[in-house]
Structures are given as structure tokens and as C-alpha cells.
Amino acid sequence: MALKYKIDVIAALKEAGYNTNTIRKEKIMGEAMLQKIRGGQMVSWATFETICNLLDCQPGDLIENSKE
């Protein structure tokens, strides 16, 4: 089993008005975290908290446990 993203987090952030340039400029999240998200890798709980606050969602809206 492995955790995987249920949604395209970068696209969801962009739709909410947070493009990657804004995220970096406002120091919301670093480039390393953005790259991890793009690559489908899991990030820290602090980063999940930030994403959930920006998107007004719960962690379960972002990730799921896959049996693949």
C-alpha cells in the first residue's frame, strides 16, 4: 500500500489563485516541496496543513491509501 494524491495539487492551487510564482514569492512553500508534489511524492504534515488551509480542505481530500 502507498499514499498517493487524489487530485492534481498544483492545478488546484492555481485554480484557487496560487500559481507557483506566487507561492515561491510569498514564501508559502519552497521549490523543493513544489517539486515533490509535482513528482507525486509525499510532503511533510506542515506542508499538507498549508495546502489544506489554502484550498480550504481536509488531508483526506488530497491523499488516499492505494493498494497498488
PDB file of N, CA and C in Angstrom:
ATOM      1  N   MET A   1       0.832  -1.186   0.000  1.00  0.00           N
ATOM      2  CA  MET A   1       0.000   0.000   0.000  1.00  0.00           C
ATOM      3  C   MET A   1       0.874   1.246   0.000  1.00  0.00           C
ATOM      4  N   ALA A   2       0.352   2.270  -0.623  1.00  0.00           N
ATOM      5  CA  ALA A   2       1.112   3.512  -0.702  1.00  0.00           C
ATOM      6  C   ALA A   2       0.148   4.690  -0.742  1.00  0.00           C
ATOM      7  N   LEU A   3       0.589   5.795  -0.169  1.00  0.00           N
ATOM      8  CA  LEU A   3      -0.205   7.016  -0.243  1.00  0.00           C
ATOM      9  C   LEU A   3       0.009   7.661  -1.607  1.00  0.00           C
ATOM     10  N   LYS A   4      -1.077   8.192  -2.166  1.00  0.00           N
ATOM     11  CA  LYS A   4      -0.958   8.915  -3.436  1.00  0.00           C
ATOM     12  C   LYS A   4      -1.950  10.064  -3.428  1.00  0.00           C
ATOM     13  N   TYR A   5      -1.679  11.047  -4.279  1.00  0.00           N
ATOM     14  CA  TYR A   5      -2.552  12.212  -4.380  1.00  0.00           C
ATOM     15  C   TYR A   5      -3.825  11.844  -5.138  1.00  0.00           C
ATOM     16  N   LYS A   6      -4.961  12.307  -4.631  1.00  0.00           N
ATOM     17  CA  LYS A   6      -6.248  12.091  -5.287  1.00  0.00           C
ATOM     18  C   LYS A   6      -6.498  13.152  -6.355  1.00  0.00           C
ATOM     19  N   ILE A   7      -5.871  14.302  -6.193  1.00  0.00           N
ATOM     20  CA  ILE A   7      -6.080  15.425  -7.110  1.00  0.00           C
ATOM     21  C   ILE A   7      -4.729  15.954  -7.582  1.00  0.00           C
ATOM     22  N   ASP A   8      -4.759  16.776  -8.602  1.00  0.00           N
ATOM     23  CA  ASP A   8      -3.561  17.485  -9.048  1.00  0.00           C
ATOM     24  C   ASP A   8      -3.450  18.718  -8.143  1.00  0.00           C
ATOM     25  N   VAL A   9      -2.608  18.626  -7.137  1.00  0.00           N
ATOM     26  CA  VAL A   9      -2.499  19.677  -6.119  1.00  0.00           C
ATOM     27  C   VAL A   9      -2.054  21.003  -6.732  1.00  0.00           C
ATOM     28  N   ILE A  10      -1.080  20.970  -7.621  1.00  0.00           N
ATOM     29  CA  ILE A  10      -0.583  22.198  -8.255  1.00  0.00           C
ATOM     30  C   ILE A  10      -1.713  22.879  -9.042  1.00  0.00           C
ATOM     31  N   ALA A  11      -2.486  22.100  -9.787  1.00  0.00           N
ATOM     32  CA  ALA A  11      -3.603  22.658 -10.554  1.00  0.00           C
ATOM     33  C   ALA A  11      -4.669  23.239  -9.617  1.00  0.00           C
ATOM     34  N   ALA A  12      -4.937  22.547  -8.515  1.00  0.00           N
ATOM     35  CA  ALA A  12      -5.939  23.029  -7.552  1.00  0.00           C
ATOM     36  C   ALA A  12      -5.485  24.341  -6.922  1.00  0.00           C
ATOM     37  N   LEU A  13      -4.193  24.437  -6.597  1.00  0.00           N
ATOM     38  CA  LEU A  13      -3.668  25.683  -6.028  1.00  0.00           C
ATOM     39  C   LEU A  13      -3.778  26.815  -7.048  1.00  0.00           C
ATOM     40  N   LYS A  14      -3.442  26.509  -8.293  1.00  0.00           N
ATOM     41  CA  LYS A  14      -3.520  27.521  -9.352  1.00  0.00           C
ATOM     42  C   LYS A  14      -4.962  27.999  -9.523  1.00  0.00           C
ATOM     43  N   GLU A  15      -5.900  27.059  -9.497  1.00  0.00           N
ATOM     44  CA  GLU A  15      -7.320  27.397  -9.626  1.00  0.00           C
ATOM     45  C   GLU A  15      -7.778  28.289  -8.465  1.00  0.00           C
ATOM     46  N   ALA A  16      -7.161  28.094  -7.293  1.00  0.00           N
ATOM     47  CA  ALA A  16      -7.508  28.888  -6.114  1.00  0.00           C
ATOM     48  C   ALA A  16      -6.768  30.232  -6.091  1.00  0.00           C
ATOM     49  N   GLY A  17      -5.967  30.507  -7.131  1.00  0.00           N
ATOM     50  CA  GLY A  17      -5.279  31.785  -7.225  1.00  0.00           C
ATOM     51  C   GLY A  17      -3.850  31.780  -6.741  1.00  0.00           C
ATOM     52  N   TYR A  18      -3.285  30.593  -6.548  1.00  0.00           N
ATOM     53  CA  TYR A  18      -1.900  30.474  -6.066  1.00  0.00           C
ATOM     54  C   TYR A  18      -1.049  29.775  -7.115  1.00  0.00           C
ATOM     55  N   ASN A  19      -0.519  30.547  -8.079  1.00  0.00           N
ATOM     56  CA  ASN A  19       0.381  29.913  -9.035  1.00  0.00           C
ATOM     57  C   ASN A  19       1.747  29.713  -8.374  1.00  0.00           C
ATOM     58  N   THR A  20       2.601  28.942  -9.011  1.00  0.00           N
ATOM     59  CA  THR A  20       3.877  28.588  -8.380  1.00  0.00           C
ATOM     60  C   THR A  20       4.756  29.806  -8.118  1.00  0.00           C
ATOM     61  N   ASN A  21       4.695  30.806  -8.993  1.00  0.00           N
ATOM     62  CA  ASN A  21       5.483  32.018  -8.752  1.00  0.00           C
ATOM     63  C   ASN A  21       5.023  32.726  -7.486  1.00  0.00           C
ATOM     64  N   THR A  22       3.711  32.846  -7.305  1.00  0.00           N
ATOM     65  CA  THR A  22       3.152  33.477  -6.108  1.00  0.00           C
ATOM     66  C   THR A  22       3.537  32.688  -4.862  1.00  0.00           C
ATOM     67  N   ILE A  23       3.441  31.371  -4.947  1.00  0.00           N
ATOM     68  CA  ILE A  23       3.772  30.510  -3.802  1.00  0.00           C
ATOM     69  C   ILE A  23       5.220  30.717  -3.383  1.00  0.00           C
ATOM     70  N   ARG A  24       6.119  30.797  -4.369  1.00  0.00           N
ATOM     71  CA  ARG A  24       7.538  30.998  -4.042  1.00  0.00           C
ATOM     72  C   ARG A  24       7.795  32.410  -3.541  1.00  0.00           C
ATOM     73  N   LYS A  25       7.240  33.419  -4.237  1.00  0.00           N
ATOM     74  CA  LYS A  25       7.470  34.819  -3.854  1.00  0.00           C
ATOM     75  C   LYS A  25       6.989  35.124  -2.442  1.00  0.00           C
ATOM     76  N   GLU A  26       5.806  34.620  -2.110  1.00  0.00           N
ATOM     77  CA  GLU A  26       5.229  34.876  -0.790  1.00  0.00           C
ATOM     78  C   GLU A  26       5.737  33.896   0.267  1.00  0.00           C
ATOM     79  N   LYS A  27       6.690  33.046  -0.148  1.00  0.00           N
ATOM     80  CA  LYS A  27       7.313  32.064   0.752  1.00  0.00           C
ATOM     81  C   LYS A  27       6.278  31.184   1.451  1.00  0.00           C
ATOM     82  N   ILE A  28       5.255  30.823   0.699  1.00  0.00           N
ATOM     83  CA  ILE A  28       4.230  29.923   1.213  1.00  0.00           C
ATOM     84  C   ILE A  28       4.792  28.505   1.267  1.00  0.00           C
ATOM     85  N   MET A  29       5.586  28.176   0.240  1.00  0.00           N
ATOM     86  CA  MET A  29       6.161  26.846   0.119  1.00  0.00           C
ATOM     87  C   MET A  29       7.425  26.967  -0.725  1.00  0.00           C
ATOM     88  N   GLY A  30       8.417  26.179  -0.420  1.00  0.00           N
ATOM     89  CA  GLY A  30       9.663  26.225  -1.177  1.00  0.00           C
ATOM     90  C   GLY A  30       9.611  25.421  -2.463  1.00  0.00           C
ATOM     91  N   GLU A  31      10.571  25.667  -3.322  1.00  0.00           N
ATOM     92  CA  GLU A  31      10.656  24.964  -4.604  1.00  0.00           C
ATOM     93  C   GLU A  31      10.780  23.458  -4.413  1.00  0.00           C
ATOM     94  N   ALA A  32      11.522  23.024  -3.393  1.00  0.00           N
ATOM     95  CA  ALA A  32      11.702  21.587  -3.153  1.00  0.00           C
ATOM     96  C   ALA A  32      10.358  20.912  -2.893  1.00  0.00           C
ATOM     97  N   MET A  33       9.490  21.560  -2.128  1.00  0.00           N
ATOM     98  CA  MET A  33       8.171  20.989  -1.844  1.00  0.00           C
ATOM     99  C   MET A  33       7.309  20.966  -3.104  1.00  0.00           C
ATOM    100  N   LEU A  34       7.383  22.021  -3.894  1.00  0.00           N
ATOM    101  CA  LEU A  34       6.631  22.057  -5.151  1.00  0.00           C
ATOM    102  C   LEU A  34       7.082  20.932  -6.082  1.00  0.00           C
ATOM    103  N   GLN A  35       8.379  20.700  -6.133  1.00  0.00           N
ATOM    104  CA  GLN A  35       8.906  19.619  -6.972  1.00  0.00           C
ATOM    105  C   GLN A  35       8.438  18.252  -6.477  1.00  0.00           C
ATOM    106  N   LYS A  36       8.419  18.068  -5.159  1.00  0.00           N
ATOM    107  CA  LYS A  36       7.938  16.801  -4.596  1.00  0.00           C
ATOM    108  C   LYS A  36       6.476  16.572  -4.982  1.00  0.00           C
ATOM    109  N   ILE A  37       5.667  17.616  -4.857  1.00  0.00           N
ATOM    110  CA  ILE A  37       4.248  17.495  -5.206  1.00  0.00           C
ATOM    111  C   ILE A  37       4.098  17.162  -6.682  1.00  0.00           C
ATOM    112  N   ARG A  38       4.845  17.866  -7.537  1.00  0.00           N
ATOM    113  CA  ARG A  38       4.794  17.595  -8.989  1.00  0.00           C
ATOM    114  C   ARG A  38       5.161  16.150  -9.288  1.00  0.00           C
ATOM    115  N   GLY A  39       6.128  15.621  -8.530  1.00  0.00           N
ATOM    116  CA  GLY A  39       6.600  14.255  -8.749  1.00  0.00           C
ATOM    117  C   GLY A  39       5.745  13.195  -8.071  1.00  0.00           C
ATOM    118  N   GLY A  40       4.678  13.610  -7.407  1.00  0.00           N
ATOM    119  CA  GLY A  40       3.798  12.652  -6.747  1.00  0.00           C
ATOM    120  C   GLY A  40       4.323  12.140  -5.427  1.00  0.00           C
ATOM    121  N   GLN A  41       5.391  12.765  -4.911  1.00  0.00           N
ATOM    122  CA  GLN A  41       5.958  12.348  -3.632  1.00  0.00           C
ATOM    123  C   GLN A  41       5.204  13.012  -2.488  1.00  0.00           C
ATOM    124  N   MET A  42       5.177  12.338  -1.368  1.00  0.00           N
ATOM    125  CA  MET A  42       4.510  12.897  -0.201  1.00  0.00           C
ATOM    126  C   MET A  42       5.383  13.975   0.443  1.00  0.00           C
ATOM    127  N   VAL A  43       4.722  14.961   1.019  1.00  0.00           N
ATOM    128  CA  VAL A  43       5.405  16.087   1.669  1.00  0.00           C
ATOM    129  C   VAL A  43       5.139  16.022   3.171  1.00  0.00           C
ATOM    130  N   SER A  44       5.715  16.942   3.905  1.00  0.00           N
ATOM    131  CA  SER A  44       5.560  16.959   5.361  1.00  0.00           C
ATOM    132  C   SER A  44       4.132  17.307   5.758  1.00  0.00           C
ATOM    133  N   TRP A  45       3.779  16.964   6.995  1.00  0.00           N
ATOM    134  CA  TRP A  45       2.444  17.313   7.505  1.00  0.00           C
ATOM    135  C   TRP A  45       2.271  18.824   7.550  1.00  0.00           C
ATOM    136  N   ALA A  46       3.337  19.550   7.833  1.00  0.00           N
ATOM    137  CA  ALA A  46       3.251  21.019   7.853  1.00  0.00           C
ATOM    138  C   ALA A  46       2.876  21.545   6.473  1.00  0.00           C
ATOM    139  N   THR A  47       3.423  20.928   5.430  1.00  0.00           N
ATOM    140  CA  THR A  47       3.089  21.337   4.067  1.00  0.00           C
ATOM    141  C   THR A  47       1.652  20.968   3.739  1.00  0.00           C
ATOM    142  N   PHE A  48       1.211  19.764   4.160  1.00  0.00           N
ATOM    143  CA  PHE A  48      -0.191  19.386   3.960  1.00  0.00           C
ATOM    144  C   PHE A  48      -1.119  20.374   4.653  1.00  0.00           C
ATOM    145  N   GLU A  49      -0.734  20.803   5.848  1.00  0.00           N
ATOM    146  CA  GLU A  49      -1.536  21.778   6.581  1.00  0.00           C
ATOM    147  C   GLU A  49      -1.645  23.087   5.795  1.00  0.00           C
ATOM    148  N   THR A  50      -0.533  23.534   5.246  1.00  0.00           N
ATOM    149  CA  THR A  50      -0.522  24.755   4.438  1.00  0.00           C
ATOM    150  C   THR A  50      -1.437  24.608   3.223  1.00  0.00           C
ATOM    151  N   ILE A  51      -1.310  23.479   2.522  1.00  0.00           N
ATOM    152  CA  ILE A  51      -2.128  23.243   1.331  1.00  0.00           C
ATOM    153  C   ILE A  51      -3.611  23.208   1.719  1.00  0.00           C
ATOM    154  N   CYS A  52      -3.923  22.505   2.799  1.00  0.00           N
ATOM    155  CA  CYS A  52      -5.321  22.419   3.248  1.00  0.00           C
ATOM    156  C   CYS A  52      -5.877  23.796   3.604  1.00  0.00           C
ATOM    157  N   ASN A  53      -5.068  24.630   4.226  1.00  0.00           N
ATOM    158  CA  ASN A  53      -5.513  25.985   4.553  1.00  0.00           C
ATOM    159  C   ASN A  53      -5.753  26.808   3.299  1.00  0.00           C
ATOM    160  N   LEU A  54      -4.874  26.689   2.307  1.00  0.00           N
ATOM    161  CA  LEU A  54      -5.021  27.445   1.061  1.00  0.00           C
ATOM    162  C   LEU A  54      -6.240  26.991   0.263  1.00  0.00           C
ATOM    163  N   LEU A  55      -6.491  25.678   0.277  1.00  0.00           N
ATOM    164  CA  LEU A  55      -7.591  25.123  -0.517  1.00  0.00           C
ATOM    165  C   LEU A  55      -8.873  24.937   0.296  1.00  0.00           C
ATOM    166  N   ASP A  56      -8.811  25.236   1.590  1.00  0.00           N
ATOM    167  CA  ASP A  56      -9.953  25.056   2.484  1.00  0.00           C
ATOM    168  C   ASP A  56     -10.498  23.626   2.377  1.00  0.00           C
ATOM    169  N   CYS A  57      -9.596  22.656   2.628  1.00  0.00           N
ATOM    170  CA  CYS A  57      -9.979  21.255   2.529  1.00  0.00           C
ATOM    171  C   CYS A  57      -9.339  20.455   3.657  1.00  0.00           C
ATOM    172  N   GLN A  58      -9.587  19.164   3.675  1.00  0.00           N
ATOM    173  CA  GLN A  58      -9.031  18.243   4.657  1.00  0.00           C
ATOM    174  C   GLN A  58      -7.956  17.387   3.980  1.00  0.00           C
ATOM    175  N   PRO A  59      -6.993  16.842   4.749  1.00  0.00           N
ATOM    176  CA  PRO A  59      -5.959  15.993   4.136  1.00  0.00           C
ATOM    177  C   PRO A  59      -6.542  14.843   3.315  1.00  0.00           C
ATOM    178  N   GLY A  60      -7.662  14.284   3.764  1.00  0.00           N
ATOM    179  CA  GLY A  60      -8.303  13.193   3.032  1.00  0.00           C
ATOM    180  C   GLY A  60      -8.830  13.604   1.669  1.00  0.00           C
ATOM    181  N   ASP A  61      -8.991  14.914   1.450  1.00  0.00           N
ATOM    182  CA  ASP A  61      -9.401  15.406   0.133  1.00  0.00           C
ATOM    183  C   ASP A  61      -8.220  15.380  -0.843  1.00  0.00           C
ATOM    184  N   LEU A  62      -7.009  15.318  -0.293  1.00  0.00           N
ATOM    185  CA  LEU A  62      -5.800  15.392  -1.111  1.00  0.00           C
ATOM    186  C   LEU A  62      -5.147  14.046  -1.378  1.00  0.00           C
ATOM    187  N   ILE A  63      -5.171  13.173  -0.363  1.00  0.00           N
ATOM    188  CA  ILE A  63      -4.435  11.901  -0.492  1.00  0.00           C
ATOM    189  C   ILE A  63      -5.333  10.714  -0.167  1.00  0.00           C
ATOM    190  N   GLU A  64      -4.903   9.553  -0.675  1.00  0.00           N
ATOM    191  CA  GLU A  64      -5.587   8.306  -0.373  1.00  0.00           C
ATOM    192  C   GLU A  64      -4.555   7.187  -0.263  1.00  0.00           C
ATOM    193  N   ASN A  65      -4.941   6.126   0.389  1.00  0.00           N
ATOM    194  CA  ASN A  65      -4.088   4.966   0.528  1.00  0.00           C
ATOM    195  C   ASN A  65      -4.438   4.006  -0.601  1.00  0.00           C
ATOM    196  N   SER A  66      -3.494   3.795  -1.497  1.00  0.00           N
ATOM    197  CA  SER A  66      -3.717   2.980  -2.682  1.00  0.00           C
ATOM    198  C   SER A  66      -3.143   1.578  -2.474  1.00  0.00           C
ATOM    199  N   LYS A  67      -3.838   0.574  -2.982  1.00  0.00           N
ATOM    200  CA  LYS A  67      -3.362  -0.800  -2.853  1.00  0.00           C
ATOM    201  C   LYS A  67      -2.426  -1.204  -3.977  1.00  0.00           C
ATOM    202  N   GLU A  68      -2.084  -0.266  -4.846  1.00  0.00           N
ATOM    203  CA  GLU A  68      -1.198  -0.563  -5.986  1.00  0.00           C
ATOM    204  C   GLU A  68       0.184  -0.902  -5.546  1.00  0.00           C
TER     205      GLU A  68
END
